[in-house]
Amino acid sequence: MIIPVRCMTCGRVLGDKWEIFKKRVKKGENPKKVLDDLNIKNYCCRALFLTHKDISKEVAKFKRVQ
């Protein structure tokens, strides 16, 4: 849904870097370079950024059933 505030493996705070990462990659920058610039070096954190798919708009279409 949305990027977790912390990495689920190592506990590093990542939530504040997601918007910057998304904007720079959308502009056409290499994701590897963006992650290096943001000082995200752990494999677990990099995997979180590279494999995340934001589906919040798709989920928002559905009503909650009680």
N, C-alpha and C. Protein backbone atom coordinates (compact mmCIF):
# COMPACT_ATOMS: atom_id res chain seq x y z
N MET A 1 0.83 -1.18 0.00
CA MET A 1 0.00 0.00 0.00
C MET A 1 0.88 1.25 0.00
N ILE A 2 1.41 1.61 1.17
CA ILE A 2 2.33 2.75 1.23
C ILE A 2 3.65 2.23 1.77
N ILE A 3 4.68 2.98 1.51
CA ILE A 3 6.01 2.57 1.94
C ILE A 3 6.06 2.53 3.47
N PRO A 4 6.63 1.49 4.05
CA PRO A 4 6.73 1.45 5.52
C PRO A 4 7.65 2.55 6.04
N VAL A 5 7.39 3.00 7.25
CA VAL A 5 8.21 4.05 7.86
C VAL A 5 9.62 3.52 8.10
N ARG A 6 9.72 2.27 8.53
CA ARG A 6 11.02 1.65 8.81
C ARG A 6 11.18 0.38 7.98
N CYS A 7 12.43 0.04 7.71
CA CYS A 7 12.74 -1.22 7.03
C CYS A 7 12.32 -2.36 7.95
N MET A 8 11.65 -3.34 7.38
CA MET A 8 11.16 -4.45 8.20
C MET A 8 12.28 -5.37 8.69
N THR A 9 13.43 -5.32 8.06
CA THR A 9 14.54 -6.19 8.43
C THR A 9 15.51 -5.53 9.40
N CYS A 10 16.02 -4.36 9.01
CA CYS A 10 17.06 -3.73 9.83
C CYS A 10 16.56 -2.59 10.72
N GLY A 11 15.36 -2.08 10.47
CA GLY A 11 14.79 -1.04 11.31
C GLY A 11 15.17 0.38 10.95
N ARG A 12 15.87 0.57 9.85
CA ARG A 12 16.30 1.91 9.44
C ARG A 12 15.09 2.72 8.97
N VAL A 13 15.06 4.01 9.30
CA VAL A 13 13.96 4.88 8.89
C VAL A 13 14.08 5.17 7.40
N LEU A 14 13.01 4.86 6.64
CA LEU A 14 13.02 5.03 5.19
C LEU A 14 11.85 5.85 4.66
N GLY A 15 10.82 6.01 5.44
CA GLY A 15 9.59 6.64 4.99
C GLY A 15 9.78 8.04 4.44
N ASP A 16 10.73 8.78 4.96
CA ASP A 16 10.94 10.15 4.51
C ASP A 16 11.69 10.25 3.19
N LYS A 17 12.22 9.16 2.70
CA LYS A 17 13.02 9.17 1.47
C LYS A 17 12.23 8.71 0.25
N TRP A 18 11.03 8.15 0.45
CA TRP A 18 10.27 7.55 -0.64
C TRP A 18 9.85 8.58 -1.70
N GLU A 19 9.33 9.72 -1.29
CA GLU A 19 8.88 10.73 -2.25
C GLU A 19 10.04 11.24 -3.10
N ILE A 20 11.17 11.46 -2.48
CA ILE A 20 12.36 11.93 -3.21
C ILE A 20 12.78 10.88 -4.23
N PHE A 21 12.83 9.63 -3.80
CA PHE A 21 13.20 8.53 -4.68
C PHE A 21 12.23 8.44 -5.87
N LYS A 22 10.94 8.48 -5.59
CA LYS A 22 9.93 8.34 -6.62
C LYS A 22 10.02 9.46 -7.65
N LYS A 23 10.20 10.70 -7.19
CA LYS A 23 10.28 11.85 -8.10
C LYS A 23 11.51 11.76 -9.00
N ARG A 24 12.65 11.42 -8.41
CA ARG A 24 13.89 11.38 -9.19
C ARG A 24 13.88 10.25 -10.21
N VAL A 25 13.33 9.10 -9.85
CA VAL A 25 13.25 7.98 -10.79
C VAL A 25 12.27 8.30 -11.90
N LYS A 26 11.19 8.97 -11.57
CA LYS A 26 10.19 9.36 -12.58
C LYS A 26 10.78 10.33 -13.59
N LYS A 27 11.73 11.16 -13.14
CA LYS A 27 12.40 12.10 -14.05
C LYS A 27 13.37 11.40 -14.99
N GLY A 28 13.70 10.13 -14.68
CA GLY A 28 14.56 9.37 -15.56
C GLY A 28 15.92 9.03 -15.00
N GLU A 29 16.16 9.35 -13.74
CA GLU A 29 17.44 9.01 -13.13
C GLU A 29 17.54 7.52 -12.86
N ASN A 30 18.73 7.02 -12.83
CA ASN A 30 19.00 5.62 -12.54
C ASN A 30 18.68 5.34 -11.06
N PRO A 31 17.81 4.33 -10.77
CA PRO A 31 17.47 4.04 -9.37
C PRO A 31 18.69 3.74 -8.50
N LYS A 32 19.71 3.11 -9.06
CA LYS A 32 20.93 2.80 -8.29
C LYS A 32 21.60 4.09 -7.82
N LYS A 33 21.69 5.06 -8.70
CA LYS A 33 22.33 6.34 -8.35
C LYS A 33 21.50 7.08 -7.29
N VAL A 34 20.19 7.05 -7.45
CA VAL A 34 19.32 7.73 -6.48
C VAL A 34 19.47 7.11 -5.10
N LEU A 35 19.46 5.78 -5.02
CA LEU A 35 19.62 5.10 -3.74
C LEU A 35 20.99 5.39 -3.12
N ASP A 36 22.02 5.44 -3.95
CA ASP A 36 23.36 5.78 -3.45
C ASP A 36 23.38 7.21 -2.91
N ASP A 37 22.74 8.16 -3.63
CA ASP A 37 22.70 9.55 -3.18
C ASP A 37 21.93 9.71 -1.87
N LEU A 38 20.90 8.88 -1.68
CA LEU A 38 20.10 8.93 -0.46
C LEU A 38 20.76 8.15 0.69
N ASN A 39 21.93 7.58 0.43
CA ASN A 39 22.71 6.82 1.42
C ASN A 39 21.98 5.57 1.90
N ILE A 40 21.30 4.91 0.98
CA ILE A 40 20.61 3.65 1.28
C ILE A 40 21.49 2.54 0.73
N LYS A 41 22.21 1.86 1.61
CA LYS A 41 23.22 0.90 1.18
C LYS A 41 22.87 -0.55 1.51
N ASN A 42 22.04 -0.80 2.51
CA ASN A 42 21.69 -2.17 2.89
C ASN A 42 20.83 -2.82 1.80
N TYR A 43 21.07 -4.10 1.58
CA TYR A 43 20.30 -4.84 0.58
C TYR A 43 18.81 -4.85 0.91
N CYS A 44 18.48 -5.01 2.17
CA CYS A 44 17.08 -5.08 2.57
C CYS A 44 16.36 -3.77 2.27
N CYS A 45 17.00 -2.65 2.54
CA CYS A 45 16.39 -1.34 2.29
C CYS A 45 16.27 -1.07 0.79
N ARG A 46 17.29 -1.41 0.05
CA ARG A 46 17.26 -1.21 -1.40
C ARG A 46 16.17 -2.05 -2.04
N ALA A 47 16.02 -3.29 -1.57
CA ALA A 47 14.98 -4.17 -2.11
C ALA A 47 13.60 -3.60 -1.82
N LEU A 48 13.43 -3.02 -0.64
CA LEU A 48 12.15 -2.42 -0.28
C LEU A 48 11.77 -1.31 -1.26
N PHE A 49 12.73 -0.47 -1.62
CA PHE A 49 12.46 0.62 -2.55
C PHE A 49 12.24 0.12 -3.98
N LEU A 50 13.05 -0.82 -4.40
CA LEU A 50 12.99 -1.27 -5.79
C LEU A 50 11.78 -2.16 -6.09
N THR A 51 11.24 -2.83 -5.09
CA THR A 51 10.13 -3.74 -5.33
C THR A 51 8.79 -3.19 -4.89
N HIS A 52 8.75 -2.02 -4.30
CA HIS A 52 7.51 -1.46 -3.80
C HIS A 52 6.62 -0.99 -4.95
N LYS A 53 5.33 -1.31 -4.87
CA LYS A 53 4.35 -0.83 -5.83
C LYS A 53 3.22 -0.19 -5.04
N ASP A 54 2.96 1.07 -5.32
CA ASP A 54 1.94 1.81 -4.60
C ASP A 54 0.56 1.47 -5.18
N ILE A 55 -0.27 0.80 -4.40
CA ILE A 55 -1.60 0.41 -4.87
C ILE A 55 -2.70 1.09 -4.07
N SER A 56 -2.38 2.15 -3.37
CA SER A 56 -3.37 2.81 -2.51
C SER A 56 -4.54 3.37 -3.31
N LYS A 57 -4.30 3.87 -4.53
CA LYS A 57 -5.40 4.40 -5.35
C LYS A 57 -6.32 3.28 -5.82
N GLU A 58 -5.75 2.13 -6.11
CA GLU A 58 -6.57 1.00 -6.53
C GLU A 58 -7.43 0.47 -5.38
N VAL A 59 -6.87 0.42 -4.19
CA VAL A 59 -7.58 -0.09 -3.02
C VAL A 59 -8.65 0.90 -2.58
N ALA A 60 -8.42 2.18 -2.77
CA ALA A 60 -9.38 3.21 -2.34
C ALA A 60 -10.71 3.10 -3.07
N LYS A 61 -10.78 2.43 -4.19
CA LYS A 61 -12.02 2.28 -4.96
C LYS A 61 -13.04 1.42 -4.22
N PHE A 62 -12.59 0.54 -3.35
CA PHE A 62 -13.46 -0.43 -2.71
C PHE A 62 -13.92 0.05 -1.34
N LYS A 63 -15.19 -0.24 -1.05
CA LYS A 63 -15.73 0.10 0.26
C LYS A 63 -15.39 -0.95 1.28
N ARG A 64 -15.35 -0.55 2.50
CA ARG A 64 -15.08 -1.48 3.60
C ARG A 64 -16.36 -2.23 3.95
N VAL A 65 -16.29 -3.53 4.02
CA VAL A 65 -17.43 -4.35 4.37
C VAL A 65 -17.36 -4.68 5.85
N GLN A 66 -18.51 -4.51 6.54
CA GLN A 66 -18.51 -4.77 7.98
C GLN A 66 -19.20 -6.04 8.32
